[in-house]
Amino acid sequence: MNPDAEISRAVDAALARHGADRDEWTALSALAGAIPDPAAPGVAAETLDRLAAHGWVSRDGDAWALTADGRARRALLTETVVAATGAAAAAARPRPVDRFGGNPHHGLPGAGPRPDADADADAD
């Protein structure tokens, strides 16, 4: 399992549940000043046009700005991305017991007998 790919899929799915995609969230974040200028490569004009159609951004001459709805939408999407990223990262992180083949006692000094060894000790 590739943790980065899992996180990316989780973020895309979370945004899609809110009717948005990564490009739209990036553009809203750029206009909010959270990331570099939305005119930078990577924020396509068609993305800004979609956001304008939703009423999340407005254009004044050459400048784009978030509307009140756009600020609220960005806040919701950012919370969604943070939650999805955290959940996916936690799920992708190996649990300590997984490092020992599922046996939490294996290889730990002073941990006592292994569960499978307990049966042997009882047989004596």
N, C-alpha and C. Protein backbone atom coordinates (compact mmCIF):
# COMPACT_ATOMS: atom_id res chain seq x y z
N MET A 1 0.85 -1.18 0.00
CA MET A 1 0.00 0.00 0.00
C MET A 1 0.90 1.24 0.00
N ASN A 2 0.68 2.13 -0.93
CA ASN A 2 1.42 3.38 -1.03
C ASN A 2 0.66 4.44 -0.23
N PRO A 3 1.20 4.90 0.91
CA PRO A 3 0.47 5.87 1.73
C PRO A 3 0.12 7.15 0.99
N ASP A 4 1.03 7.64 0.15
CA ASP A 4 0.74 8.88 -0.59
C ASP A 4 -0.44 8.70 -1.54
N ALA A 5 -0.48 7.56 -2.20
CA ALA A 5 -1.59 7.29 -3.12
C ALA A 5 -2.90 7.15 -2.35
N GLU A 6 -2.85 6.51 -1.18
CA GLU A 6 -4.05 6.35 -0.35
C GLU A 6 -4.57 7.71 0.11
N ILE A 7 -3.66 8.58 0.53
CA ILE A 7 -4.05 9.92 0.97
C ILE A 7 -4.65 10.70 -0.19
N SER A 8 -4.01 10.62 -1.35
CA SER A 8 -4.51 11.33 -2.53
C SER A 8 -5.91 10.86 -2.91
N ARG A 9 -6.13 9.54 -2.89
CA ARG A 9 -7.46 9.01 -3.20
C ARG A 9 -8.49 9.47 -2.17
N ALA A 10 -8.11 9.48 -0.90
CA ALA A 10 -9.03 9.90 0.16
C ALA A 10 -9.41 11.37 0.00
N VAL A 11 -8.44 12.21 -0.33
CA VAL A 11 -8.71 13.64 -0.53
C VAL A 11 -9.63 13.83 -1.72
N ASP A 12 -9.34 13.17 -2.83
CA ASP A 12 -10.18 13.30 -4.03
C ASP A 12 -11.61 12.85 -3.74
N ALA A 13 -11.77 11.73 -3.03
CA ALA A 13 -13.11 11.22 -2.72
C ALA A 13 -13.85 12.17 -1.78
N ALA A 14 -13.14 12.73 -0.79
CA ALA A 14 -13.78 13.66 0.15
C ALA A 14 -14.24 14.92 -0.56
N LEU A 15 -13.41 15.45 -1.44
CA LEU A 15 -13.80 16.64 -2.20
C LEU A 15 -14.98 16.33 -3.11
N ALA A 16 -14.97 15.17 -3.74
CA ALA A 16 -16.06 14.79 -4.65
C ALA A 16 -17.39 14.69 -3.91
N ARG A 17 -17.36 14.25 -2.65
CA ARG A 17 -18.60 14.18 -1.86
C ARG A 17 -19.22 15.56 -1.67
N HIS A 18 -18.39 16.60 -1.80
CA HIS A 18 -18.88 17.97 -1.68
C HIS A 18 -19.02 18.65 -3.04
N GLY A 19 -18.97 17.85 -4.11
CA GLY A 19 -19.15 18.39 -5.45
C GLY A 19 -18.01 19.26 -5.92
N ALA A 20 -16.81 18.99 -5.43
CA ALA A 20 -15.64 19.80 -5.80
C ALA A 20 -14.50 18.86 -6.20
N ASP A 21 -13.48 19.44 -6.79
CA ASP A 21 -12.28 18.67 -7.10
C ASP A 21 -11.06 19.41 -6.58
N ARG A 22 -9.92 18.78 -6.72
CA ARG A 22 -8.67 19.34 -6.18
C ARG A 22 -8.33 20.68 -6.83
N ASP A 23 -8.58 20.82 -8.14
CA ASP A 23 -8.29 22.08 -8.82
C ASP A 23 -9.12 23.22 -8.23
N GLU A 24 -10.39 22.94 -7.96
CA GLU A 24 -11.26 23.99 -7.40
C GLU A 24 -10.81 24.37 -5.99
N TRP A 25 -10.48 23.37 -5.17
CA TRP A 25 -10.01 23.66 -3.81
C TRP A 25 -8.71 24.45 -3.85
N THR A 26 -7.81 24.08 -4.77
CA THR A 26 -6.54 24.80 -4.91
C THR A 26 -6.78 26.25 -5.31
N ALA A 27 -7.67 26.47 -6.27
CA ALA A 27 -7.95 27.84 -6.72
C ALA A 27 -8.57 28.66 -5.60
N LEU A 28 -9.52 28.08 -4.85
CA LEU A 28 -10.12 28.81 -3.72
C LEU A 28 -9.05 29.15 -2.69
N SER A 29 -8.15 28.21 -2.42
CA SER A 29 -7.08 28.46 -1.45
C SER A 29 -6.12 29.53 -1.94
N ALA A 30 -5.83 29.52 -3.23
CA ALA A 30 -4.95 30.54 -3.79
C ALA A 30 -5.58 31.93 -3.66
N LEU A 31 -6.86 32.02 -3.97
CA LEU A 31 -7.54 33.32 -3.86
C LEU A 31 -7.66 33.77 -2.41
N ALA A 32 -7.67 32.83 -1.48
CA ALA A 32 -7.72 33.18 -0.05
C ALA A 32 -6.34 33.57 0.47
N GLY A 33 -5.31 33.43 -0.37
CA GLY A 33 -3.96 33.78 0.04
C GLY A 33 -3.24 32.67 0.76
N ALA A 34 -3.83 31.48 0.81
CA ALA A 34 -3.22 30.37 1.53
C ALA A 34 -2.10 29.70 0.73
N ILE A 35 -2.13 29.85 -0.58
CA ILE A 35 -1.08 29.32 -1.45
C ILE A 35 -0.77 30.39 -2.49
N PRO A 36 0.26 30.20 -3.32
CA PRO A 36 0.63 31.24 -4.29
C PRO A 36 -0.50 31.66 -5.22
N ASP A 37 -0.26 32.73 -5.92
CA ASP A 37 -1.20 33.38 -6.84
C ASP A 37 -1.94 32.39 -7.74
N PRO A 38 -3.28 32.51 -7.83
CA PRO A 38 -4.04 31.60 -8.67
C PRO A 38 -3.74 31.75 -10.15
N ALA A 39 -3.10 32.82 -10.54
CA ALA A 39 -2.73 32.98 -11.95
C ALA A 39 -1.51 32.14 -12.28
N ALA A 40 -0.90 31.56 -11.26
CA ALA A 40 0.27 30.72 -11.48
C ALA A 40 -0.12 29.49 -12.28
N PRO A 41 0.85 28.89 -12.95
CA PRO A 41 0.55 27.66 -13.69
C PRO A 41 -0.08 26.64 -12.76
N GLY A 42 -1.02 25.91 -13.25
CA GLY A 42 -1.68 24.90 -12.43
C GLY A 42 -3.10 25.29 -12.06
N VAL A 43 -3.41 26.58 -12.10
CA VAL A 43 -4.80 27.01 -11.85
C VAL A 43 -5.33 27.50 -13.19
N ALA A 44 -6.10 26.65 -13.82
CA ALA A 44 -6.58 26.92 -15.17
C ALA A 44 -7.75 27.89 -15.16
N ALA A 45 -7.85 28.64 -16.24
CA ALA A 45 -8.95 29.61 -16.39
C ALA A 45 -10.30 28.91 -16.31
N GLU A 46 -10.40 27.69 -16.84
CA GLU A 46 -11.69 26.99 -16.79
C GLU A 46 -12.08 26.64 -15.35
N THR A 47 -11.09 26.42 -14.49
CA THR A 47 -11.41 26.18 -13.08
C THR A 47 -12.00 27.43 -12.46
N LEU A 48 -11.39 28.57 -12.72
CA LEU A 48 -11.91 29.83 -12.19
C LEU A 48 -13.30 30.12 -12.76
N ASP A 49 -13.51 29.80 -14.02
CA ASP A 49 -14.84 29.99 -14.62
C ASP A 49 -15.88 29.11 -13.93
N ARG A 50 -15.51 27.85 -13.60
CA ARG A 50 -16.44 26.96 -12.87
C ARG A 50 -16.78 27.53 -11.50
N LEU A 51 -15.75 28.04 -10.82
CA LEU A 51 -15.97 28.63 -9.49
C LEU A 51 -16.88 29.85 -9.59
N ALA A 52 -16.70 30.64 -10.64
CA ALA A 52 -17.55 31.82 -10.84
C ALA A 52 -18.99 31.39 -11.11
N ALA A 53 -19.17 30.32 -11.86
CA ALA A 53 -20.52 29.82 -12.14
C ALA A 53 -21.23 29.37 -10.87
N HIS A 54 -20.46 28.88 -9.90
CA HIS A 54 -21.03 28.48 -8.60
C HIS A 54 -21.28 29.68 -7.69
N GLY A 55 -20.71 30.83 -8.07
CA GLY A 55 -20.84 32.01 -7.22
C GLY A 55 -19.81 32.07 -6.11
N TRP A 56 -18.73 31.30 -6.23
CA TRP A 56 -17.70 31.25 -5.19
C TRP A 56 -16.59 32.26 -5.42
N VAL A 57 -16.45 32.74 -6.65
CA VAL A 57 -15.47 33.78 -6.97
C VAL A 57 -16.14 34.79 -7.89
N SER A 58 -15.56 35.98 -7.91
CA SER A 58 -16.03 37.00 -8.85
C SER A 58 -14.81 37.64 -9.48
N ARG A 59 -15.04 38.23 -10.63
CA ARG A 59 -13.93 38.84 -11.37
C ARG A 59 -14.19 40.33 -11.49
N ASP A 60 -13.15 41.08 -11.19
CA ASP A 60 -13.20 42.53 -11.33
C ASP A 60 -12.02 42.91 -12.22
N GLY A 61 -12.30 43.08 -13.50
CA GLY A 61 -11.21 43.33 -14.45
C GLY A 61 -10.39 42.06 -14.61
N ASP A 62 -9.10 42.18 -14.30
CA ASP A 62 -8.21 41.02 -14.40
C ASP A 62 -8.07 40.27 -13.08
N ALA A 63 -8.65 40.80 -12.02
CA ALA A 63 -8.48 40.20 -10.69
C ALA A 63 -9.66 39.31 -10.32
N TRP A 64 -9.37 38.20 -9.67
CA TRP A 64 -10.38 37.30 -9.14
C TRP A 64 -10.39 37.46 -7.63
N ALA A 65 -11.55 37.29 -7.03
CA ALA A 65 -11.67 37.38 -5.57
C ALA A 65 -12.72 36.38 -5.09
N LEU A 66 -12.53 35.90 -3.87
CA LEU A 66 -13.54 35.03 -3.27
C LEU A 66 -14.76 35.84 -2.89
N THR A 67 -15.92 35.24 -3.07
CA THR A 67 -17.15 35.83 -2.55
C THR A 67 -17.34 35.29 -1.13
N ALA A 68 -18.34 35.77 -0.43
CA ALA A 68 -18.63 35.24 0.91
C ALA A 68 -18.92 33.74 0.83
N ASP A 69 -19.68 33.34 -0.19
CA ASP A 69 -19.94 31.90 -0.37
C ASP A 69 -18.66 31.14 -0.67
N GLY A 70 -17.76 31.75 -1.42
CA GLY A 70 -16.48 31.13 -1.73
C GLY A 70 -15.61 30.94 -0.50
N ARG A 71 -15.62 31.92 0.40
CA ARG A 71 -14.86 31.78 1.65
C ARG A 71 -15.43 30.64 2.50
N ALA A 72 -16.76 30.58 2.56
CA ALA A 72 -17.40 29.50 3.33
C ALA A 72 -17.11 28.14 2.68
N ARG A 73 -17.16 28.09 1.36
CA ARG A 73 -16.90 26.84 0.64
C ARG A 73 -15.47 26.39 0.85
N ARG A 74 -14.53 27.33 0.77
CA ARG A 74 -13.13 26.99 0.99
C ARG A 74 -12.92 26.45 2.39
N ALA A 75 -13.55 27.06 3.39
CA ALA A 75 -13.41 26.59 4.78
C ALA A 75 -13.92 25.15 4.90
N LEU A 76 -15.08 24.88 4.32
CA LEU A 76 -15.65 23.53 4.36
C LEU A 76 -14.73 22.53 3.67
N LEU A 77 -14.25 22.87 2.48
CA LEU A 77 -13.39 21.96 1.74
C LEU A 77 -12.06 21.74 2.45
N THR A 78 -11.52 22.79 3.06
CA THR A 78 -10.26 22.65 3.79
C THR A 78 -10.44 21.73 4.98
N GLU A 79 -11.51 21.89 5.73
CA GLU A 79 -11.79 20.97 6.85
C GLU A 79 -11.92 19.54 6.35
N THR A 80 -12.57 19.38 5.22
CA THR A 80 -12.76 18.06 4.62
C THR A 80 -11.43 17.44 4.23
N VAL A 81 -10.55 18.23 3.61
CA VAL A 81 -9.24 17.73 3.19
C VAL A 81 -8.39 17.37 4.40
N VAL A 82 -8.39 18.21 5.42
CA VAL A 82 -7.60 17.93 6.62
C VAL A 82 -8.07 16.63 7.27
N ALA A 83 -9.38 16.45 7.39
CA ALA A 83 -9.92 15.23 8.00
C ALA A 83 -9.59 14.00 7.16
N ALA A 84 -9.76 14.10 5.86
CA ALA A 84 -9.48 12.96 4.97
C ALA A 84 -8.00 12.61 4.99
N THR A 85 -7.14 13.61 5.00
CA THR A 85 -5.70 13.37 5.03
C THR A 85 -5.31 12.68 6.33
N GLY A 86 -5.82 13.18 7.44
CA GLY A 86 -5.49 12.58 8.73
C GLY A 86 -5.97 11.15 8.84
N ALA A 87 -7.19 10.89 8.41
CA ALA A 87 -7.74 9.54 8.49
C ALA A 87 -6.97 8.58 7.58
N ALA A 88 -6.66 9.02 6.37
CA ALA A 88 -5.94 8.15 5.43
C ALA A 88 -4.51 7.90 5.91
N ALA A 89 -3.87 8.92 6.46
CA ALA A 89 -2.50 8.75 6.97
C ALA A 89 -2.49 7.79 8.15
N ALA A 90 -3.46 7.92 9.04
CA ALA A 90 -3.54 7.02 10.19
C ALA A 90 -3.79 5.58 9.75
N ALA A 91 -4.64 5.40 8.75
CA ALA A 91 -4.94 4.06 8.26
C ALA A 91 -3.74 3.44 7.54
N ALA A 92 -2.92 4.27 6.91
CA ALA A 92 -1.77 3.77 6.16
C ALA A 92 -0.57 3.48 7.05
N ARG A 93 -0.57 4.03 8.26
CA ARG A 93 0.55 3.85 9.18
C ARG A 93 0.49 2.44 9.76
N PRO A 94 1.60 1.70 9.70
CA PRO A 94 1.56 0.35 10.27
C PRO A 94 1.41 0.41 11.79
N ARG A 95 0.59 -0.48 12.30
CA ARG A 95 0.43 -0.58 13.76
C ARG A 95 1.66 -1.28 14.31
N PRO A 96 2.08 -0.98 15.53
CA PRO A 96 3.26 -1.63 16.10
C PRO A 96 3.18 -3.15 16.05
N VAL A 97 2.02 -3.72 16.30
CA VAL A 97 1.88 -5.17 16.30
C VAL A 97 2.14 -5.75 14.90
N ASP A 98 1.86 -5.00 13.85
CA ASP A 98 2.08 -5.49 12.49
C ASP A 98 3.57 -5.70 12.20
N ARG A 99 4.42 -4.96 12.88
CA ARG A 99 5.85 -5.10 12.64
C ARG A 99 6.38 -6.44 13.14
N PHE A 100 5.65 -7.10 14.01
CA PHE A 100 6.10 -8.36 14.58
C PHE A 100 5.25 -9.53 14.09
N GLY A 101 4.74 -9.42 12.90
CA GLY A 101 3.97 -10.50 12.33
C GLY A 101 2.67 -10.77 13.05
N GLY A 102 2.12 -9.76 13.70
CA GLY A 102 0.85 -9.92 14.40
C GLY A 102 0.98 -10.39 15.83
N ASN A 103 2.21 -10.68 16.28
CA ASN A 103 2.43 -11.14 17.65
C ASN A 103 3.02 -9.99 18.46
N PRO A 104 2.25 -9.39 19.36
CA PRO A 104 2.74 -8.23 20.10
C PRO A 104 3.86 -8.57 21.08
N HIS A 105 4.05 -9.86 21.39
CA HIS A 105 5.08 -10.25 22.35
C HIS A 105 6.41 -10.56 21.68
N HIS A 106 6.40 -10.85 20.42
CA HIS A 106 7.59 -11.28 19.70
C HIS A 106 8.65 -10.19 19.71
N GLY A 107 9.81 -10.54 20.19
CA GLY A 107 10.96 -9.64 20.11
C GLY A 107 11.01 -8.55 21.15
N LEU A 108 10.12 -8.54 22.12
CA LEU A 108 10.15 -7.50 23.14
C LEU A 108 10.71 -8.07 24.44
N PRO A 109 11.88 -7.58 24.88
CA PRO A 109 12.47 -8.10 26.11
C PRO A 109 11.53 -7.90 27.29
N GLY A 110 11.42 -8.92 28.11
CA GLY A 110 10.60 -8.83 29.31
C GLY A 110 9.12 -8.86 29.06
N ALA A 111 8.71 -9.16 27.85
CA ALA A 111 7.28 -9.14 27.52
C ALA A 111 6.58 -10.40 27.98
N GLY A 112 7.34 -11.36 28.49
CA GLY A 112 6.71 -12.60 28.92
C GLY A 112 6.68 -13.59 27.78
N PRO A 113 6.11 -14.74 28.05
CA PRO A 113 6.10 -15.77 27.01
C PRO A 113 5.20 -15.38 25.84
N ARG A 114 5.55 -15.93 24.70
CA ARG A 114 4.70 -15.71 23.53
C ARG A 114 3.40 -16.45 23.74
N PRO A 115 2.29 -15.92 23.19
CA PRO A 115 1.00 -16.61 23.36
C PRO A 115 1.03 -18.05 22.89
N ASP A 116 1.75 -18.33 21.81
CA ASP A 116 1.81 -19.71 21.33
C ASP A 116 2.68 -20.59 22.22
N ALA A 117 3.58 -19.98 23.00
CA ALA A 117 4.42 -20.73 23.93
C ALA A 117 3.67 -21.04 25.21
N ASP A 118 2.63 -20.28 25.52
CA ASP A 118 1.85 -20.51 26.74
C ASP A 118 1.25 -21.91 26.74
N ALA A 119 0.79 -22.37 25.60
CA ALA A 119 0.19 -23.71 25.52
C ALA A 119 1.23 -24.77 25.82
N ASP A 120 2.48 -24.57 25.34
CA ASP A 120 3.55 -25.53 25.60
C ASP A 120 3.89 -25.57 27.09
N ALA A 121 3.90 -24.41 27.76
CA ALA A 121 4.23 -24.34 29.18
C ALA A 121 3.15 -25.02 30.02
N ASP A 122 1.90 -24.91 29.61
CA ASP A 122 0.80 -25.52 30.35
C ASP A 122 0.82 -27.03 30.21
N ALA A 123 1.39 -27.54 29.14
CA ALA A 123 1.41 -28.97 28.90
C ALA A 123 2.39 -29.68 29.82
N ASP A 124 3.37 -28.95 30.37
CA ASP A 124 4.39 -29.57 31.24
C ASP A 124 3.86 -30.01 32.53
